[in-house]
PDB file of all heavy atoms in Angstrom:
ATOM      1  N   LEU A   1      34.265 -57.268 -37.365  1.00  0.00           N
ATOM      2  CA  LEU A   1      35.256 -57.858 -38.324  1.00  0.00           C
ATOM      3  C   LEU A   1      35.990 -58.844 -37.579  1.00  0.00           C
ATOM      4  O   LEU A   1      36.378 -58.785 -36.438  1.00  0.00           O
ATOM      5  CB  LEU A   1      36.205 -56.765 -38.771  1.00  0.00           C
ATOM      6  CG  LEU A   1      37.298 -57.057 -39.697  1.00  0.00           C
ATOM      7  CD1 LEU A   1      36.798 -57.498 -41.027  1.00  0.00           C
ATOM      8  CD2 LEU A   1      38.344 -56.056 -39.820  1.00  0.00           C
ATOM      9  N   THR A   2      36.183 -60.031 -38.296  1.00  0.00           N
ATOM     10  CA  THR A   2      37.079 -61.083 -37.717  1.00  0.00           C
ATOM     11  C   THR A   2      38.133 -61.351 -38.746  1.00  0.00           C
ATOM     12  O   THR A   2      37.845 -61.552 -39.942  1.00  0.00           O
ATOM     13  CB  THR A   2      36.249 -62.349 -37.522  1.00  0.00           C
ATOM     14  OG1 THR A   2      35.212 -62.059 -36.650  1.00  0.00           O
ATOM     15  CG2 THR A   2      37.085 -63.499 -36.969  1.00  0.00           C
ATOM     16  N   ILE A   3      39.394 -61.623 -38.283  1.00  0.00           N
ATOM     17  CA  ILE A   3      40.492 -61.789 -39.151  1.00  0.00           C
ATOM     18  C   ILE A   3      41.280 -62.919 -38.453  1.00  0.00           C
ATOM     19  O   ILE A   3      41.668 -62.896 -37.259  1.00  0.00           O
ATOM     20  CB  ILE A   3      41.464 -60.565 -39.256  1.00  0.00           C
ATOM     21  CG1 ILE A   3      40.562 -59.321 -39.719  1.00  0.00           C
ATOM     22  CG2 ILE A   3      42.640 -60.844 -40.079  1.00  0.00           C
ATOM     23  CD1 ILE A   3      41.488 -57.979 -39.770  1.00  0.00           C
ATOM     24  N   PHE A   4      41.549 -63.881 -39.292  1.00  0.00           N
ATOM     25  CA  PHE A   4      42.415 -65.027 -38.800  1.00  0.00           C
ATOM     26  C   PHE A   4      43.848 -64.709 -39.200  1.00  0.00           C
ATOM     27  O   PHE A   4      44.189 -64.369 -40.352  1.00  0.00           O
ATOM     28  CB  PHE A   4      41.998 -66.333 -39.468  1.00  0.00           C
ATOM     29  CG  PHE A   4      40.583 -66.579 -39.077  1.00  0.00           C
ATOM     30  CD1 PHE A   4      39.593 -66.261 -40.004  1.00  0.00           C
ATOM     31  CD2 PHE A   4      40.257 -67.299 -38.093  1.00  0.00           C
ATOM     32  CE1 PHE A   4      38.220 -66.464 -39.679  1.00  0.00           C
ATOM     33  CE2 PHE A   4      38.905 -67.547 -37.761  1.00  0.00           C
ATOM     34  CZ  PHE A   4      37.906 -67.131 -38.558  1.00  0.00           C
ATOM     35  N   VAL A   5      44.756 -64.679 -38.178  1.00  0.00           N
ATOM     36  CA  VAL A   5      46.192 -64.146 -38.403  1.00  0.00           C
ATOM     37  C   VAL A   5      47.155 -65.383 -38.144  1.00  0.00           C
ATOM     38  O   VAL A   5      47.076 -66.106 -37.082  1.00  0.00           O
ATOM     39  CB  VAL A   5      46.439 -63.014 -37.431  1.00  0.00           C
ATOM     40  CG1 VAL A   5      47.907 -62.360 -37.892  1.00  0.00           C
ATOM     41  CG2 VAL A   5      45.353 -61.933 -37.600  1.00  0.00           C
ATOM     42  N   SER A   6      48.121 -65.543 -39.051  1.00  0.00           N
ATOM     43  CA  SER A   6      49.200 -66.444 -38.819  1.00  0.00           C
ATOM     44  C   SER A   6      50.511 -65.796 -39.100  1.00  0.00           C
ATOM     45  O   SER A   6      50.671 -65.095 -40.075  1.00  0.00           O
ATOM     46  CB  SER A   6      48.920 -67.654 -39.829  1.00  0.00           C
ATOM     47  OG  SER A   6      50.153 -68.503 -39.808  1.00  0.00           O
ATOM     48  N   MET A   7      51.510 -66.147 -38.205  1.00  0.00           N
ATOM     49  CA  MET A   7      52.775 -65.583 -38.381  1.00  0.00           C
ATOM     50  C   MET A   7      53.466 -66.381 -39.655  1.00  0.00           C
ATOM     51  O   MET A   7      54.631 -65.785 -40.135  1.00  0.00           O
ATOM     52  CB  MET A   7      53.699 -65.657 -37.163  1.00  0.00           C
ATOM     53  CG  MET A   7      54.010 -66.982 -36.749  1.00  0.00           C
ATOM     54  SD  MET A   7      54.700 -66.971 -35.021  1.00  0.00           S
ATOM     55  CE  MET A   7      56.345 -67.046 -35.294  1.00  0.00           C
ATOM     56  N   ASN A   8      53.018 -67.446 -40.180  1.00  0.00           N
ATOM     57  CA  ASN A   8      53.564 -67.975 -41.442  1.00  0.00           C
ATOM     58  C   ASN A   8      53.325 -67.217 -42.569  1.00  0.00           C
ATOM     59  O   ASN A   8      53.829 -67.520 -43.650  1.00  0.00           O
ATOM     60  CB  ASN A   8      53.020 -69.416 -41.606  1.00  0.00           C
ATOM     61  CG  ASN A   8      53.329 -70.359 -40.528  1.00  0.00           C
ATOM     62  OD1 ASN A   8      54.497 -70.190 -39.903  1.00  0.00           O
ATOM     63  ND2 ASN A   8      52.648 -71.301 -40.188  1.00  0.00           N
ATOM     64  N   ARG A   9      52.422 -66.198 -42.527  1.00  0.00           N
ATOM     65  CA  ARG A   9      52.102 -65.317 -43.630  1.00  0.00           C
ATOM     66  C   ARG A   9      52.920 -64.053 -43.458  1.00  0.00           C
ATOM     67  O   ARG A   9      52.609 -63.287 -42.434  1.00  0.00           O
ATOM     68  CB  ARG A   9      50.694 -65.098 -43.709  1.00  0.00           C
ATOM     69  CG  ARG A   9      50.322 -64.151 -45.011  1.00  0.00           C
ATOM     70  CD  ARG A   9      48.784 -64.003 -45.101  1.00  0.00           C
ATOM     71  NE  ARG A   9      48.616 -63.095 -46.087  1.00  0.00           N
ATOM     72  CZ  ARG A   9      47.828 -63.342 -47.144  1.00  0.00           C
ATOM     73  NH1 ARG A   9      47.175 -64.407 -47.216  1.00  0.00           N
ATOM     74  NH2 ARG A   9      47.685 -62.412 -48.187  1.00  0.00           N
ATOM     75  N   PRO A  10      53.834 -63.704 -44.304  1.00  0.00           N
ATOM     76  CA  PRO A  10      54.574 -62.478 -44.120  1.00  0.00           C
ATOM     77  C   PRO A  10      53.612 -61.131 -44.143  1.00  0.00           C
ATOM     78  O   PRO A  10      52.746 -61.154 -44.932  1.00  0.00           O
ATOM     79  CB  PRO A  10      55.488 -62.408 -45.510  1.00  0.00           C
ATOM     80  CG  PRO A  10      55.575 -63.876 -45.881  1.00  0.00           C
ATOM     81  CD  PRO A  10      54.217 -64.570 -45.511  1.00  0.00           C
ATOM     82  N   GLY A  11      53.979 -60.327 -43.174  1.00  0.00           N
ATOM     83  CA  GLY A  11      53.109 -59.149 -43.100  1.00  0.00           C
ATOM     84  C   GLY A  11      51.780 -59.169 -42.430  1.00  0.00           C
ATOM     85  O   GLY A  11      51.016 -58.336 -42.492  1.00  0.00           O
ATOM     86  N   SER A  12      51.612 -60.278 -41.807  1.00  0.00           N
ATOM     87  CA  SER A  12      50.317 -60.615 -41.146  1.00  0.00           C
ATOM     88  C   SER A  12      49.953 -59.646 -40.164  1.00  0.00           C
ATOM     89  O   SER A  12      48.710 -59.216 -39.901  1.00  0.00           O
ATOM     90  CB  SER A  12      50.212 -62.052 -40.610  1.00  0.00           C
ATOM     91  OG  SER A  12      51.200 -62.182 -39.646  1.00  0.00           O
ATOM     92  N   ILE A  13      50.958 -59.096 -39.355  1.00  0.00           N
ATOM     93  CA  ILE A  13      50.644 -58.104 -38.295  1.00  0.00           C
ATOM     94  C   ILE A  13      50.182 -56.657 -38.899  1.00  0.00           C
ATOM     95  O   ILE A  13      49.270 -56.155 -38.533  1.00  0.00           O
ATOM     96  CB  ILE A  13      51.849 -57.920 -37.420  1.00  0.00           C
ATOM     97  CG1 ILE A  13      52.081 -59.248 -36.568  1.00  0.00           C
ATOM     98  CG2 ILE A  13      51.554 -56.761 -36.386  1.00  0.00           C
ATOM     99  CD1 ILE A  13      53.453 -59.341 -35.763  1.00  0.00           C
ATOM    100  N   ALA A  14      50.866 -56.377 -39.926  1.00  0.00           N
ATOM    101  CA  ALA A  14      50.559 -55.225 -40.680  1.00  0.00           C
ATOM    102  C   ALA A  14      49.205 -55.313 -41.371  1.00  0.00           C
ATOM    103  O   ALA A  14      48.424 -54.304 -41.404  1.00  0.00           O
ATOM    104  CB  ALA A  14      51.656 -54.939 -41.797  1.00  0.00           C
ATOM    105  N   MET A  15      48.899 -56.454 -41.849  1.00  0.00           N
ATOM    106  CA  MET A  15      47.498 -56.646 -42.455  1.00  0.00           C
ATOM    107  C   MET A  15      46.485 -56.583 -41.364  1.00  0.00           C
ATOM    108  O   MET A  15      45.449 -55.997 -41.715  1.00  0.00           O
ATOM    109  CB  MET A  15      47.538 -58.043 -43.121  1.00  0.00           C
ATOM    110  CG  MET A  15      48.235 -57.965 -44.584  1.00  0.00           C
ATOM    111  SD  MET A  15      48.016 -59.366 -45.561  1.00  0.00           S
ATOM    112  CE  MET A  15      49.346 -60.414 -45.051  1.00  0.00           C
ATOM    113  N   ALA A  16      46.701 -57.101 -40.237  1.00  0.00           N
ATOM    114  CA  ALA A  16      45.740 -56.976 -39.173  1.00  0.00           C
ATOM    115  C   ALA A  16      45.637 -55.604 -38.786  1.00  0.00           C
ATOM    116  O   ALA A  16      44.534 -55.055 -38.568  1.00  0.00           O
ATOM    117  CB  ALA A  16      46.166 -57.773 -37.916  1.00  0.00           C
ATOM    118  N   ARG A  17      46.688 -54.752 -38.616  1.00  0.00           N
ATOM    119  CA  ARG A  17      46.610 -53.411 -38.453  1.00  0.00           C
ATOM    120  C   ARG A  17      45.724 -52.649 -39.516  1.00  0.00           C
ATOM    121  O   ARG A  17      44.924 -51.777 -39.207  1.00  0.00           O
ATOM    122  CB  ARG A  17      48.001 -52.735 -38.304  1.00  0.00           C
ATOM    123  CG  ARG A  17      48.110 -51.566 -37.702  1.00  0.00           C
ATOM    124  CD  ARG A  17      49.567 -51.166 -37.340  1.00  0.00           C
ATOM    125  NE  ARG A  17      50.451 -51.493 -38.298  1.00  0.00           N
ATOM    126  CZ  ARG A  17      51.557 -52.400 -38.114  1.00  0.00           C
ATOM    127  NH1 ARG A  17      51.695 -52.994 -36.986  1.00  0.00           N
ATOM    128  NH2 ARG A  17      52.326 -52.568 -39.077  1.00  0.00           N
ATOM    129  N   GLU A  18      45.987 -52.934 -40.737  1.00  0.00           N
ATOM    130  CA  GLU A  18      45.429 -52.234 -41.865  1.00  0.00           C
ATOM    131  C   GLU A  18      43.880 -52.742 -41.955  1.00  0.00           C
ATOM    132  O   GLU A  18      42.960 -51.877 -42.156  1.00  0.00           O
ATOM    133  CB  GLU A  18      46.020 -52.689 -43.187  1.00  0.00           C
ATOM    134  CG  GLU A  18      47.421 -52.049 -43.457  1.00  0.00           C
ATOM    135  CD  GLU A  18      48.022 -52.826 -44.677  1.00  0.00           C
ATOM    136  OE1 GLU A  18      47.375 -53.378 -45.433  1.00  0.00           O
ATOM    137  OE2 GLU A  18      49.311 -52.681 -44.648  1.00  0.00           O
ATOM    138  N   GLY A  19      43.536 -53.887 -41.561  1.00  0.00           N
ATOM    139  CA  GLY A  19      42.242 -54.331 -41.318  1.00  0.00           C
ATOM    140  C   GLY A  19      41.418 -53.546 -40.381  1.00  0.00           C
ATOM    141  O   GLY A  19      40.228 -53.137 -40.465  1.00  0.00           O
ATOM    142  N   ALA A  20      42.137 -53.265 -39.138  1.00  0.00           N
ATOM    143  CA  ALA A  20      41.624 -52.539 -38.095  1.00  0.00           C
ATOM    144  C   ALA A  20      41.364 -51.008 -38.609  1.00  0.00           C
ATOM    145  O   ALA A  20      40.206 -50.485 -38.242  1.00  0.00           O
ATOM    146  CB  ALA A  20      42.435 -52.414 -36.868  1.00  0.00           C
ATOM    147  N   ARG A  21      42.251 -50.510 -39.279  1.00  0.00           N
ATOM    148  CA  ARG A  21      42.051 -49.072 -39.795  1.00  0.00           C
ATOM    149  C   ARG A  21      40.924 -49.007 -40.819  1.00  0.00           C
ATOM    150  O   ARG A  21      40.124 -48.142 -40.704  1.00  0.00           O
ATOM    151  CB  ARG A  21      43.373 -48.608 -40.479  1.00  0.00           C
ATOM    152  CG  ARG A  21      44.312 -48.155 -39.515  1.00  0.00           C
ATOM    153  CD  ARG A  21      45.558 -47.304 -40.172  1.00  0.00           C
ATOM    154  NE  ARG A  21      46.610 -47.072 -39.287  1.00  0.00           N
ATOM    155  CZ  ARG A  21      46.547 -46.141 -38.337  1.00  0.00           C
ATOM    156  NH1 ARG A  21      45.577 -45.304 -38.290  1.00  0.00           N
ATOM    157  NH2 ARG A  21      47.515 -45.912 -37.431  1.00  0.00           N
ATOM    158  N   ALA A  22      40.766 -49.976 -41.632  1.00  0.00           N
ATOM    159  CA  ALA A  22      39.735 -50.019 -42.618  1.00  0.00           C
ATOM    160  C   ALA A  22      38.369 -50.220 -41.903  1.00  0.00           C
ATOM    161  O   ALA A  22      37.361 -49.528 -42.326  1.00  0.00           O
ATOM    162  CB  ALA A  22      39.921 -51.174 -43.525  1.00  0.00           C
ATOM    163  N   PHE A  23      38.361 -51.087 -40.811  1.00  0.00           N
ATOM    164  CA  PHE A  23      37.173 -51.261 -40.167  1.00  0.00           C
ATOM    165  C   PHE A  23      36.664 -49.921 -39.439  1.00  0.00           C
ATOM    166  O   PHE A  23      35.413 -49.511 -39.591  1.00  0.00           O
ATOM    167  CB  PHE A  23      37.369 -52.338 -39.062  1.00  0.00           C
ATOM    168  CG  PHE A  23      36.180 -52.386 -38.040  1.00  0.00           C
ATOM    169  CD1 PHE A  23      35.093 -53.280 -38.361  1.00  0.00           C
ATOM    170  CD2 PHE A  23      36.234 -51.844 -36.740  1.00  0.00           C
ATOM    171  CE1 PHE A  23      34.105 -53.283 -37.508  1.00  0.00           C
ATOM    172  CE2 PHE A  23      35.213 -51.975 -35.917  1.00  0.00           C
ATOM    173  CZ  PHE A  23      34.084 -52.779 -36.258  1.00  0.00           C
ATOM    174  N   VAL A  24      37.553 -49.145 -38.869  1.00  0.00           N
ATOM    175  CA  VAL A  24      37.309 -47.848 -38.208  1.00  0.00           C
ATOM    176  C   VAL A  24      36.836 -46.872 -39.181  1.00  0.00           C
ATOM    177  O   VAL A  24      35.862 -46.104 -39.057  1.00  0.00           O
ATOM    178  CB  VAL A  24      38.487 -47.362 -37.436  1.00  0.00           C
ATOM    179  CG1 VAL A  24      38.243 -46.015 -36.984  1.00  0.00           C
ATOM    180  CG2 VAL A  24      38.693 -48.321 -36.138  1.00  0.00           C
ATOM    181  N   GLU A  25      37.449 -46.830 -40.506  1.00  0.00           N
ATOM    182  CA  GLU A  25      37.095 -46.056 -41.484  1.00  0.00           C
ATOM    183  C   GLU A  25      35.730 -46.297 -42.006  1.00  0.00           C
ATOM    184  O   GLU A  25      34.997 -45.263 -42.546  1.00  0.00           O
ATOM    185  CB  GLU A  25      38.027 -45.996 -42.519  1.00  0.00           C
ATOM    186  CG  GLU A  25      39.363 -45.337 -42.171  1.00  0.00           C
ATOM    187  CD  GLU A  25      40.391 -45.512 -43.270  1.00  0.00           C
ATOM    188  OE1 GLU A  25      40.148 -45.816 -44.528  1.00  0.00           O
ATOM    189  OE2 GLU A  25      41.571 -45.269 -43.064  1.00  0.00           O
ATOM    190  N   CYS A  26      35.153 -47.481 -41.944  1.00  0.00           N
ATOM    191  CA  CYS A  26      33.745 -47.832 -42.427  1.00  0.00           C
ATOM    192  C   CYS A  26      32.615 -47.481 -41.453  1.00  0.00           C
ATOM    193  O   CYS A  26      31.559 -47.537 -41.850  1.00  0.00           O
ATOM    194  CB  CYS A  26      33.758 -49.306 -42.815  1.00  0.00           C
ATOM    195  SG  CYS A  26      34.777 -49.817 -44.210  1.00  0.00           S
ATOM    196  N   LEU A  27      32.999 -47.162 -40.288  1.00  0.00           N
ATOM    197  CA  LEU A  27      32.093 -46.814 -39.320  1.00  0.00           C
ATOM    198  C   LEU A  27      31.298 -45.535 -39.692  1.00  0.00           C
ATOM    199  O   LEU A  27      32.040 -44.587 -40.300  1.00  0.00           O
ATOM    200  CB  LEU A  27      32.590 -46.710 -37.926  1.00  0.00           C
ATOM    201  CG  LEU A  27      33.155 -47.919 -37.303  1.00  0.00           C
ATOM    202  CD1 LEU A  27      33.807 -47.618 -36.002  1.00  0.00           C
ATOM    203  CD2 LEU A  27      32.159 -48.962 -37.241  1.00  0.00           C
ATOM    204  N   ARG A  28      30.043 -45.461 -39.448  1.00  0.00           N
ATOM    205  CA  ARG A  28      29.342 -44.189 -39.789  1.00  0.00           C
ATOM    206  C   ARG A  28      29.838 -42.891 -39.160  1.00  0.00           C
ATOM    207  O   ARG A  28      29.940 -41.782 -39.738  1.00  0.00           O
ATOM    208  CB  ARG A  28      27.832 -44.331 -39.617  1.00  0.00           C
ATOM    209  CG  ARG A  28      27.089 -43.074 -39.895  1.00  0.00           C
ATOM    210  CD  ARG A  28      25.612 -43.191 -39.835  1.00  0.00           C
ATOM    211  NE  ARG A  28      25.297 -43.979 -41.169  1.00  0.00           N
ATOM    212  CZ  ARG A  28      24.079 -44.319 -41.403  1.00  0.00           C
ATOM    213  NH1 ARG A  28      23.134 -44.208 -40.482  1.00  0.00           N
ATOM    214  NH2 ARG A  28      23.854 -44.950 -42.429  1.00  0.00           N
ATOM    215  N   PHE A  29      30.216 -43.013 -37.846  1.00  0.00           N
ATOM    216  CA  PHE A  29      30.737 -41.887 -37.112  1.00  0.00           C
ATOM    217  C   PHE A  29      32.174 -41.836 -37.265  1.00  0.00           C
ATOM    218  O   PHE A  29      32.908 -42.822 -37.522  1.00  0.00           O
ATOM    219  CB  PHE A  29      30.313 -41.896 -35.745  1.00  0.00           C
ATOM    220  CG  PHE A  29      30.844 -43.002 -34.927  1.00  0.00           C
ATOM    221  CD1 PHE A  29      32.084 -42.951 -34.353  1.00  0.00           C
ATOM    222  CD2 PHE A  29      29.997 -44.156 -34.724  1.00  0.00           C
ATOM    223  CE1 PHE A  29      32.576 -43.989 -33.516  1.00  0.00           C
ATOM    224  CE2 PHE A  29      30.598 -45.156 -33.904  1.00  0.00           C
ATOM    225  CZ  PHE A  29      31.792 -45.119 -33.401  1.00  0.00           C
ATOM    226  N   ASP A  30      32.686 -40.637 -37.353  1.00  0.00           N
ATOM    227  CA  ASP A  30      34.175 -40.368 -37.386  1.00  0.00           C
ATOM    228  C   ASP A  30      34.738 -40.569 -35.988  1.00  0.00           C
ATOM    229  O   ASP A  30      34.414 -39.683 -35.062  1.00  0.00           O
ATOM    230  CB  ASP A  30      34.525 -38.969 -37.860  1.00  0.00           C
ATOM    231  CG  ASP A  30      36.012 -38.719 -38.022  1.00  0.00           C
ATOM    232  OD1 ASP A  30      36.730 -39.646 -37.876  1.00  0.00           O
ATOM    233  OD2 ASP A  30      36.265 -37.537 -38.307  1.00  0.00           O
ATOM    234  N   VAL A  31      35.519 -41.564 -35.765  1.00  0.00           N
ATOM    235  CA  VAL A  31      36.154 -41.847 -34.358  1.00  0.00           C
ATOM    236  C   VAL A  31      37.265 -40.832 -34.086  1.00  0.00           C
ATOM    237  O   VAL A  31      37.615 -40.671 -32.988  1.00  0.00           O
ATOM    238  CB  VAL A  31      36.552 -43.283 -34.261  1.00  0.00           C
ATOM    239  CG1 VAL A  31      35.551 -44.250 -34.462  1.00  0.00           C
ATOM    240  CG2 VAL A  31      37.783 -43.504 -35.157  1.00  0.00           C
ATOM    241  N   GLY A  32      37.724 -40.157 -35.069  1.00  0.00           N
ATOM    242  CA  GLY A  32      38.781 -39.263 -34.987  1.00  0.00           C
ATOM    243  C   GLY A  32      40.154 -40.036 -35.126  1.00  0.00           C
ATOM    244  O   GLY A  32      40.411 -41.245 -34.901  1.00  0.00           O
ATOM    245  N   ARG A  33      41.200 -39.227 -35.510  1.00  0.00           N
ATOM    246  CA  ARG A  33      42.471 -39.866 -35.945  1.00  0.00           C
ATOM    247  C   ARG A  33      43.231 -40.484 -34.659  1.00  0.00           C
ATOM    248  O   ARG A  33      43.811 -41.508 -34.598  1.00  0.00           O
ATOM    249  CB  ARG A  33      43.447 -38.710 -36.456  1.00  0.00           C
ATOM    250  CG  ARG A  33      44.748 -39.340 -36.826  1.00  0.00           C
ATOM    251  CD  ARG A  33      45.683 -38.283 -37.437  1.00  0.00           C
ATOM    252  NE  ARG A  33      46.976 -38.899 -37.699  1.00  0.00           N
ATOM    253  CZ  ARG A  33      47.579 -38.973 -38.909  1.00  0.00           C
ATOM    254  NH1 ARG A  33      46.914 -38.453 -39.893  1.00  0.00           N
ATOM    255  NH2 ARG A  33      48.781 -39.516 -39.002  1.00  0.00           N
ATOM    256  N   LYS A  34      43.199 -39.685 -33.476  1.00  0.00           N
ATOM    257  CA  LYS A  34      43.762 -40.271 -32.337  1.00  0.00           C
ATOM    258  C   LYS A  34      43.254 -41.651 -31.905  1.00  0.00           C
ATOM    259  O   LYS A  34      43.898 -42.603 -31.578  1.00  0.00           O
ATOM    260  CB  LYS A  34      43.628 -39.270 -31.241  1.00  0.00           C
ATOM    261  CG  LYS A  34      44.342 -39.660 -29.884  1.00  0.00           C
ATOM    262  CD  LYS A  34      44.225 -38.628 -28.788  1.00  0.00           C
ATOM    263  CE  LYS A  34      44.886 -39.064 -27.445  1.00  0.00           C
ATOM    264  NZ  LYS A  34      44.781 -38.188 -26.455  1.00  0.00           N
ATOM    265  N   ALA A  35      41.855 -41.688 -31.994  1.00  0.00           N
ATOM    266  CA  ALA A  35      41.173 -43.013 -31.572  1.00  0.00           C
ATOM    267  C   ALA A  35      41.465 -44.128 -32.539  1.00  0.00           C
ATOM    268  O   ALA A  35      41.711 -45.284 -32.254  1.00  0.00           O
ATOM    269  CB  ALA A  35      39.698 -42.761 -31.426  1.00  0.00           C
ATOM    270  N   ALA A  36      41.497 -43.744 -33.857  1.00  0.00           N
ATOM    271  CA  ALA A  36      41.728 -44.713 -34.786  1.00  0.00           C
ATOM    272  C   ALA A  36      43.308 -45.209 -34.754  1.00  0.00           C
ATOM    273  O   ALA A  36      43.496 -46.408 -34.878  1.00  0.00           O
ATOM    274  CB  ALA A  36      41.682 -44.057 -36.291  1.00  0.00           C
ATOM    275  N   ASP A  37      44.107 -44.330 -34.419  1.00  0.00           N
ATOM    276  CA  ASP A  37      45.572 -44.710 -34.212  1.00  0.00           C
ATOM    277  C   ASP A  37      45.631 -45.646 -33.024  1.00  0.00           C
ATOM    278  O   ASP A  37      46.464 -46.617 -33.045  1.00  0.00           O
ATOM    279  CB  ASP A  37      46.411 -43.505 -33.987  1.00  0.00           C
ATOM    280  CG  ASP A  37      46.672 -42.703 -35.230  1.00  0.00           C
ATOM    281  OD1 ASP A  37      46.378 -43.268 -36.396  1.00  0.00           O
ATOM    282  OD2 ASP A  37      47.173 -41.613 -35.136  1.00  0.00           O
ATOM    283  N   SER A  38      44.897 -45.285 -31.894  1.00  0.00           N
ATOM    284  CA  SER A  38      44.791 -46.139 -30.776  1.00  0.00           C
ATOM    285  C   SER A  38      44.366 -47.552 -30.995  1.00  0.00           C
ATOM    286  O   SER A  38      44.923 -48.457 -30.625  1.00  0.00           O
ATOM    287  CB  SER A  38      43.967 -45.515 -29.615  1.00  0.00           C
ATOM    288  OG  SER A  38      44.661 -44.284 -29.137  1.00  0.00           O
ATOM    289  N   VAL A  39      43.342 -47.663 -31.766  1.00  0.00           N
ATOM    290  CA  VAL A  39      42.652 -48.908 -32.118  1.00  0.00           C
ATOM    291  C   VAL A  39      43.796 -49.691 -32.937  1.00  0.00           C
ATOM    292  O   VAL A  39      44.175 -50.983 -32.668  1.00  0.00           O
ATOM    293  CB  VAL A  39      41.387 -48.850 -32.926  1.00  0.00           C
ATOM    294  CG1 VAL A  39      41.028 -50.193 -33.543  1.00  0.00           C
ATOM    295  CG2 VAL A  39      40.423 -48.259 -32.076  1.00  0.00           C
TER     296      VAL A  39
END
């Protein structure tokens, strides 16, 4: 997954974090909550 992030867009850090969580959730294996939180 590739995300282009700009601080000129409000909430961009939160969106990057949400994108990372969505990416981890789409993996076939369950990485576990602790690892997902770490990512």
